[in-house]
Every structure is written in structure tokens, then in C-alpha cells.
Amino acid sequence: MNSSSQIPMLSGDTFSDWKDQVLLTLGCMDLDLAFCVDEPPIPTDSNTPTEKAYYELWERSNRLSLKLIKKHINKGIRDSIPECTKVKDFLKAIEDQYVCSDKALASTLMKRLSDVKYDGSRSVREHIMHMRDIAAQLKLLEVDISEPFLVHLILNSLPKEYGPFKITYNA
């Protein structure tokens, strides 16, 4: 079985899982040399056969890794990434694209968490679980919401008729 078939296509918010799978697959295929070491000097006639062979291994790893990664990126995303000749630089450019996306997503989630209000369309428990889910998504983006702050947001999202509950909780 072709191990590259285990790599999902990079799209949307799948970068972290995608990157893990790419690195695992390249490691299993013994093509991760270009990730592990910097490019060795281009060999000249004065280099030993061992040095020339090492450079050829690195160059093969770099070339095939670039091809494999590009094959598993949606065209729309691939077109927005600057062209690179080294796989480490290319993966860094992809990661930089997603850092910007993560910041925008974190901002959207923070706004959603602070704006959500209980409207009675579901149970209070479901409402609280929804807010906890948003906080968990933020934690994955390395935005830590402390438990006391989350409780404060949840209590403030409840309408006036839950006033006695809020007083009891705070006591």
C-alpha cells in the first residue's frame, strides 16, 4: 500500500493533523532527511564520494518531499503559498498562512463566546455545553480561558429569571 495515501488533503482547518501525518509518512518512507538537517554544501570535484552521496540523499529527500506535500494541498491553498526550493521553507510558509488563520478564528470564537446568550431554544445544560465547547476550541488555538472566567461568562449569558441561581452560585 502506498503510504502517501494516508495523508489527507490540506484544506480549511486541518493543518495540524495534516502536518503530523505528512511528517510521519515522510519519516516512514525515509524521506525526512531534508527536515532533519540543513542543506549540505553543493559538492564540487574536490569533495569525497561520501560527501557527494550525502548531498544526493539530501537533495532527493528535499525534492520528493516537496512533490509529496504539494500533491496533498488543495490547489486554492497551494496557489497562495510562495514557491520555495527547500521543503522546510515550504512547510514554514504553509504554517505561516495557518497562523494568520488561527488568529482570525480565535478572534471569531472569542466574539462568539462573549456574545452568546441563553434564548430558551435548548436546555440550560446544552447552552453551557455549547459555551464549554467554544472554550475548548479556543484552548486548541492556545487561547486559555480560565475556569472562573468561563463560569462568569456563562452566568452572564443567562437571562434575569436565573438571578436566584446566580446568587446561589456566587454564595
Protein backbone atom coordinates (compact mmCIF):
# COMPACT_ATOMS: atom_id res chain seq x y z
CA MET A 1 0.00 0.00 0.00
CA ASN A 2 1.22 3.47 -0.84
CA SER A 3 1.94 5.26 2.45
CA SER A 4 1.30 8.66 0.91
CA SER A 5 -2.36 7.66 0.60
CA GLN A 6 -2.57 8.08 4.39
CA ILE A 7 -2.07 11.84 4.05
CA PRO A 8 -5.33 13.80 3.85
CA MET A 9 -5.69 16.79 1.55
CA LEU A 10 -4.87 20.06 3.29
CA SER A 11 -7.98 22.20 3.36
CA GLY A 12 -9.64 24.55 5.79
CA ASP A 13 -8.67 23.99 9.40
CA THR A 14 -6.91 20.61 9.10
CA PHE A 15 -3.33 21.93 9.15
CA SER A 16 -2.15 20.49 12.47
CA ASP A 17 -3.35 16.94 11.76
CA TRP A 18 -2.21 17.22 8.15
CA LYS A 19 1.31 18.31 9.15
CA ASP A 20 1.62 15.46 11.69
CA GLN A 21 0.56 12.94 9.04
CA VAL A 22 2.95 14.40 6.42
CA LEU A 23 5.93 14.23 8.79
CA LEU A 24 5.05 10.70 9.91
CA THR A 25 4.64 9.49 6.34
CA LEU A 26 7.90 11.09 5.17
CA GLY A 27 9.67 9.52 8.14
CA CYS A 28 8.25 6.09 7.35
CA MET A 29 9.28 6.49 3.71
CA ASP A 30 12.78 7.52 4.87
CA LEU A 31 12.41 10.85 3.06
CA ASP A 32 12.68 13.17 6.08
CA LEU A 33 16.40 13.96 5.82
CA ALA A 34 15.66 17.42 4.39
CA PHE A 35 13.63 18.17 7.56
CA CYS A 36 16.28 16.84 9.94
CA VAL A 37 19.36 18.65 8.63
CA ASP A 38 20.14 21.84 6.75
CA GLU A 39 21.20 21.62 3.13
CA PRO A 40 24.81 20.48 2.88
CA PRO A 41 27.15 22.42 0.61
CA ILE A 42 26.78 21.63 -3.08
CA PRO A 43 29.55 19.16 -3.87
CA THR A 44 32.45 20.05 -6.12
CA ASP A 45 35.11 17.90 -7.76
CA SER A 46 37.21 18.15 -4.59
CA ASN A 47 34.52 16.51 -2.40
CA THR A 48 34.74 12.87 -1.42
CA PRO A 49 32.31 10.33 -2.87
CA THR A 50 30.72 10.07 0.57
CA GLU A 51 30.05 13.83 0.68
CA LYS A 52 28.61 13.71 -2.85
CA ALA A 53 26.39 10.76 -1.96
CA TYR A 54 25.17 12.54 1.21
CA TYR A 55 24.25 15.63 -0.82
CA GLU A 56 22.38 13.44 -3.33
CA LEU A 57 20.42 11.82 -0.47
CA TRP A 58 19.52 15.24 0.93
CA GLU A 59 18.54 16.58 -2.50
CA ARG A 60 16.36 13.51 -3.18
CA SER A 61 14.67 13.87 0.20
CA ASN A 62 14.02 17.56 -0.44
CA ARG A 63 12.72 17.08 -4.00
CA LEU A 64 10.43 14.14 -3.26
CA SER A 65 9.14 15.69 -0.02
CA LEU A 66 8.21 18.87 -1.89
CA LYS A 67 6.36 16.85 -4.54
CA LEU A 68 4.51 14.76 -1.96
CA ILE A 69 3.46 17.79 0.07
CA LYS A 70 2.29 19.74 -2.98
CA LYS A 71 0.27 16.73 -4.10
CA HIS A 72 -1.68 16.81 -0.81
CA ILE A 73 -2.62 20.50 -0.80
CA ASN A 74 -5.78 21.83 -2.43
CA LYS A 75 -4.95 23.97 -5.46
CA GLY A 76 -6.56 27.06 -3.95
CA ILE A 77 -4.29 26.87 -0.93
CA ARG A 78 -1.22 25.86 -2.94
CA ASP A 79 -1.57 28.91 -5.20
CA SER A 80 -1.44 31.26 -2.21
CA ILE A 81 1.85 29.85 -0.90
CA PRO A 82 5.09 31.34 -2.23
CA GLU A 83 7.24 29.00 -4.29
CA CYS A 84 10.16 27.52 -2.34
CA THR A 85 13.02 25.27 -3.36
CA LYS A 86 13.52 23.78 0.11
CA VAL A 87 10.83 21.68 1.77
CA LYS A 88 11.49 23.15 5.25
CA ASP A 89 10.88 26.65 3.87
CA PHE A 90 7.76 25.50 2.04
CA LEU A 91 6.27 23.90 5.16
CA LYS A 92 7.12 27.04 7.14
CA ALA A 93 5.32 29.18 4.53
CA ILE A 94 2.25 26.95 4.83
CA GLU A 95 2.41 27.15 8.62
CA ASP A 96 2.64 30.95 8.46
CA GLN A 97 -0.57 31.02 6.39
CA TYR A 98 -2.33 29.00 9.07
CA VAL A 99 -1.04 31.07 11.98
CA CYS A 100 -2.86 34.05 10.46
CA SER A 101 -5.97 31.91 10.00
CA ASP A 102 -5.74 30.68 13.61
CA LYS A 103 -5.63 34.25 14.89
CA ALA A 104 -8.73 35.15 12.89
CA LEU A 105 -10.51 32.00 14.08
CA ALA A 106 -9.55 32.71 17.70
CA SER A 107 -10.92 36.23 17.38
CA THR A 108 -14.18 34.92 15.91
CA LEU A 109 -14.53 32.32 18.66
CA MET A 110 -13.81 34.90 21.40
CA LYS A 111 -16.51 37.17 19.98
CA ARG A 112 -18.96 34.27 19.77
CA LEU A 113 -18.19 33.21 23.36
CA SER A 114 -18.68 36.71 24.73
CA ASP A 115 -21.85 37.39 22.69
CA VAL A 116 -23.74 34.12 23.23
CA LYS A 117 -26.95 34.48 25.27
CA TYR A 118 -29.32 31.83 26.50
CA ASP A 119 -32.51 32.11 24.43
CA GLY A 120 -34.51 29.12 25.71
CA SER A 121 -34.29 27.24 22.40
CA ARG A 122 -32.39 24.45 24.15
CA SER A 123 -31.81 23.34 27.71
CA VAL A 124 -29.53 25.32 30.02
CA ARG A 125 -27.24 22.31 30.15
CA GLU A 126 -26.92 22.30 26.33
CA HIS A 127 -26.28 26.05 26.42
CA ILE A 128 -23.49 25.59 28.96
CA MET A 129 -22.00 22.69 26.98
CA HIS A 130 -22.05 24.87 23.85
CA MET A 131 -20.07 27.56 25.66
CA ARG A 132 -17.62 24.99 27.04
CA ASP A 133 -17.16 23.65 23.51
CA ILE A 134 -16.22 27.13 22.24
CA ALA A 135 -13.74 27.46 25.14
CA ALA A 136 -12.24 24.06 24.23
CA GLN A 137 -11.81 25.19 20.62
CA LEU A 138 -10.01 28.29 21.88
CA LYS A 139 -7.75 26.13 24.04
CA LEU A 140 -6.75 24.16 20.92
CA LEU A 141 -5.73 27.51 19.40
CA GLU A 142 -3.64 28.17 22.53
CA VAL A 143 -6.05 30.76 23.92
CA ASP A 144 -6.57 29.70 27.50
CA ILE A 145 -9.88 30.64 29.10
CA SER A 146 -9.68 30.19 32.87
CA GLU A 147 -12.47 28.21 34.52
CA PRO A 148 -13.59 31.14 36.75
CA PHE A 149 -13.77 33.45 33.72
CA LEU A 150 -15.75 30.88 31.74
CA VAL A 151 -18.19 30.46 34.65
CA HIS A 152 -18.55 34.25 34.77
CA LEU A 153 -19.33 34.34 31.02
CA ILE A 154 -21.85 31.50 31.38
CA LEU A 155 -23.63 33.16 34.30
CA ASN A 156 -23.77 36.47 32.44
CA SER A 157 -25.23 34.73 29.39
CA LEU A 158 -28.28 33.63 31.37
CA PRO A 159 -31.41 35.87 31.46
CA LYS A 160 -32.79 37.71 34.52
CA GLU A 161 -35.04 34.84 35.60
CA TYR A 162 -31.91 32.90 36.55
CA GLY A 163 -30.95 35.61 39.07
CA PRO A 164 -31.58 33.38 42.13
CA PHE A 165 -29.38 30.68 40.57
CA LYS A 166 -26.59 33.23 40.02
CA ILE A 167 -26.85 34.45 43.62
CA THR A 168 -26.78 30.87 44.94
CA TYR A 169 -23.75 30.03 42.82
CA ASN A 170 -21.85 33.15 43.92
CA ALA A 171 -22.64 32.47 47.57
